[in-house]
Amino acid sequence: MTEEKELEKEGEIAADFIEEFLDLADLDGDLEIEFRQERVYLSVAADGESNLGKVSNPETVEALQEITRLAVQAKTGEMSRLILDIGGSREAKTEQLRKLVEKSIEKLEETDREQHLKPMTSYDRKQVHDMVAEAGMISESEGQGRDRHVVIRKP
């Protein structure tokens, strides 16, 4: 199967899983699937009044994303790199990461000591690396598995 077809299959499985979750939780939302950078991006949004806010907290969405990835893996036998956004949770998460990076850089400049951030997903680490580079600092990932984290240093 071509990579494009595999992504489409992954997207369909994930969308079915999320639709079933929304139905079971009695939540209102419309799904949109995009394919970018060899990843499936699944967004759930609602127009007007909606109860989607009950599950749009970034940490809640991250947990639901992991469960959805496992559901996809159970059906395909392949690891999923799906990115899930519910009610703008990705934007909220990006803002949290931006504040974390700003605070860490301030501390780095005050103390002259490299800053070790908490472990995070590969997607979040990539965003942090991009933000750190924009600020003119250096970053790298350290650790293995769930302990993998970003370290920020001066150039």
Protein backbone atom coordinates (compact mmCIF):
# COMPACT_ATOMS: atom_id res chain seq x y z
CA MET A 1 0.00 0.00 0.00
CA THR A 2 1.34 3.47 -0.81
CA GLU A 3 2.18 5.87 1.99
CA GLU A 4 -0.67 8.16 0.93
CA LYS A 5 -3.18 5.29 1.09
CA GLU A 6 -1.81 4.25 4.51
CA LEU A 7 -2.31 7.80 5.81
CA GLU A 8 -5.84 7.89 4.43
CA LYS A 9 -6.63 4.57 6.14
CA GLU A 10 -5.13 5.85 9.39
CA GLY A 11 -7.22 9.02 9.10
CA GLU A 12 -10.42 7.07 8.50
CA ILE A 13 -9.81 4.76 11.47
CA ALA A 14 -8.99 7.70 13.74
CA ALA A 15 -12.01 9.69 12.55
CA ASP A 16 -14.32 6.71 13.17
CA PHE A 17 -12.86 6.28 16.65
CA ILE A 18 -13.26 9.99 17.53
CA GLU A 19 -16.79 10.11 16.09
CA GLU A 20 -17.76 7.16 18.25
CA PHE A 21 -16.16 8.83 21.29
CA LEU A 22 -18.07 12.06 20.62
CA ASP A 23 -21.34 10.13 20.27
CA LEU A 24 -20.77 8.16 23.47
CA ALA A 25 -19.82 11.32 25.38
CA ASP A 26 -22.77 13.20 23.82
CA LEU A 27 -20.45 15.94 22.51
CA ASP A 28 -21.12 18.11 19.46
CA GLY A 29 -18.40 18.60 16.89
CA ASP A 30 -17.48 18.42 13.22
CA LEU A 31 -14.40 16.48 12.12
CA GLU A 32 -11.86 17.58 9.56
CA ILE A 33 -8.96 15.44 8.35
CA GLU A 34 -5.78 16.84 6.82
CA PHE A 35 -2.62 15.12 5.67
CA ARG A 36 0.59 17.13 6.16
CA GLN A 37 4.24 16.22 6.61
CA GLU A 38 3.49 12.48 6.62
CA ARG A 39 1.02 12.89 9.50
CA VAL A 40 -2.72 12.77 9.92
CA TYR A 41 -4.16 15.92 11.50
CA LEU A 42 -7.65 15.39 12.90
CA SER A 43 -9.53 18.48 14.09
CA VAL A 44 -12.84 18.62 15.92
CA ALA A 45 -14.59 21.97 16.01
CA ALA A 46 -18.08 23.28 16.58
CA ASP A 47 -19.91 26.37 15.44
CA GLY A 48 -21.87 28.40 17.95
CA GLU A 49 -22.83 26.89 21.29
CA SER A 50 -21.21 23.54 21.93
CA ASN A 51 -20.25 21.35 24.85
CA LEU A 52 -16.92 20.49 23.17
CA GLY A 53 -15.12 22.57 25.81
CA LYS A 54 -15.55 19.68 28.23
CA VAL A 55 -12.70 17.83 26.47
CA SER A 56 -10.68 20.63 24.84
CA ASN A 57 -8.12 21.03 27.63
CA PRO A 58 -4.69 20.37 26.02
CA GLU A 59 -3.79 17.63 28.53
CA THR A 60 -7.14 15.89 27.99
CA VAL A 61 -6.70 16.08 24.22
CA GLU A 62 -3.15 14.73 24.49
CA ALA A 63 -4.48 11.71 26.43
CA LEU A 64 -7.28 11.20 23.91
CA GLN A 65 -4.73 11.51 21.09
CA GLU A 66 -2.68 8.68 22.62
CA ILE A 67 -5.77 6.48 22.97
CA THR A 68 -6.71 7.22 19.36
CA ARG A 69 -3.18 6.34 18.22
CA LEU A 70 -3.49 3.02 20.06
CA ALA A 71 -6.86 2.35 18.39
CA VAL A 72 -5.29 3.01 14.98
CA GLN A 73 -2.31 0.78 15.82
CA ALA A 74 -4.64 -2.02 16.94
CA LYS A 75 -6.30 -1.99 13.51
CA THR A 76 -3.28 -1.36 11.29
CA GLY A 77 -0.42 -2.94 13.22
CA GLU A 78 1.56 0.27 12.64
CA MET A 79 2.43 3.12 15.01
CA SER A 80 0.42 6.26 14.39
CA ARG A 81 1.77 9.81 14.49
CA LEU A 82 -1.71 11.31 14.45
CA ILE A 83 -2.15 14.87 15.73
CA LEU A 84 -5.50 15.62 17.36
CA ASP A 85 -7.01 19.06 17.93
CA ILE A 86 -10.27 19.48 19.79
CA GLY A 87 -11.83 22.91 20.13
CA GLY A 88 -8.57 24.77 19.56
CA SER A 89 -6.51 22.67 21.99
CA ARG A 90 -3.44 22.73 19.67
CA GLU A 91 -3.38 26.52 19.69
CA ALA A 92 -3.73 26.53 23.49
CA LYS A 93 -0.91 23.96 23.79
CA THR A 94 1.34 26.00 21.49
CA GLU A 95 0.73 29.06 23.66
CA GLN A 96 1.61 27.03 26.80
CA LEU A 97 4.84 25.91 25.14
CA ARG A 98 5.64 29.47 24.05
CA LYS A 99 5.28 30.71 27.64
CA LEU A 100 7.43 27.82 28.91
CA VAL A 101 10.18 28.64 26.40
CA GLU A 102 10.09 32.36 27.24
CA LYS A 103 10.29 31.65 30.98
CA SER A 104 13.11 29.12 30.47
CA ILE A 105 15.13 31.53 28.33
CA GLU A 106 14.69 34.28 30.94
CA LYS A 107 15.98 31.89 33.61
CA LEU A 108 18.88 30.84 31.36
CA GLU A 109 19.88 34.47 30.88
CA GLU A 110 19.61 35.18 34.62
CA THR A 111 21.51 32.12 35.84
CA ASP A 112 23.71 31.24 32.86
CA ARG A 113 22.72 27.58 33.47
CA GLU A 114 21.22 25.36 30.79
CA GLN A 115 17.52 24.72 31.23
CA HIS A 116 16.10 21.18 31.20
CA LEU A 117 12.41 21.13 30.32
CA LYS A 118 9.97 18.43 31.39
CA PRO A 119 9.57 15.41 29.12
CA MET A 120 7.16 15.96 26.23
CA THR A 121 5.97 14.44 22.98
CA SER A 122 8.11 14.56 19.85
CA TYR A 123 5.65 16.98 18.25
CA ASP A 124 5.86 19.36 21.23
CA ARG A 125 9.67 19.04 21.32
CA LYS A 126 9.82 20.04 17.65
CA GLN A 127 7.71 23.12 18.37
CA VAL A 128 9.97 24.01 21.32
CA HIS A 129 13.13 23.58 19.19
CA ASP A 130 11.65 25.96 16.59
CA MET A 131 10.73 28.55 19.25
CA VAL A 132 14.18 28.34 20.87
CA ALA A 133 15.88 28.81 17.49
CA GLU A 134 13.69 31.85 16.78
CA ALA A 135 14.88 33.32 20.09
CA GLY A 136 18.52 32.83 19.05
CA MET A 137 19.30 30.09 21.55
CA ILE A 138 20.35 26.45 21.09
CA SER A 139 18.33 23.40 22.06
CA GLU A 140 18.67 19.66 21.83
CA SER A 141 16.70 16.66 22.99
CA GLU A 142 18.12 14.38 25.67
CA GLY A 143 16.95 11.17 27.28
CA GLN A 144 15.13 8.11 26.00
CA GLY A 145 11.47 7.20 25.60
CA ARG A 146 9.10 8.92 28.01
CA ASP A 147 12.05 10.76 29.63
CA ARG A 148 13.02 12.54 26.39
CA HIS A 149 13.13 16.28 26.99
CA VAL A 150 14.55 19.52 25.61
CA VAL A 151 17.64 21.25 26.99
CA ILE A 152 18.08 24.96 26.19
CA ARG A 153 21.57 26.50 26.10
CA LYS A 154 23.17 29.77 25.10
CA PRO A 155 24.92 29.76 21.70
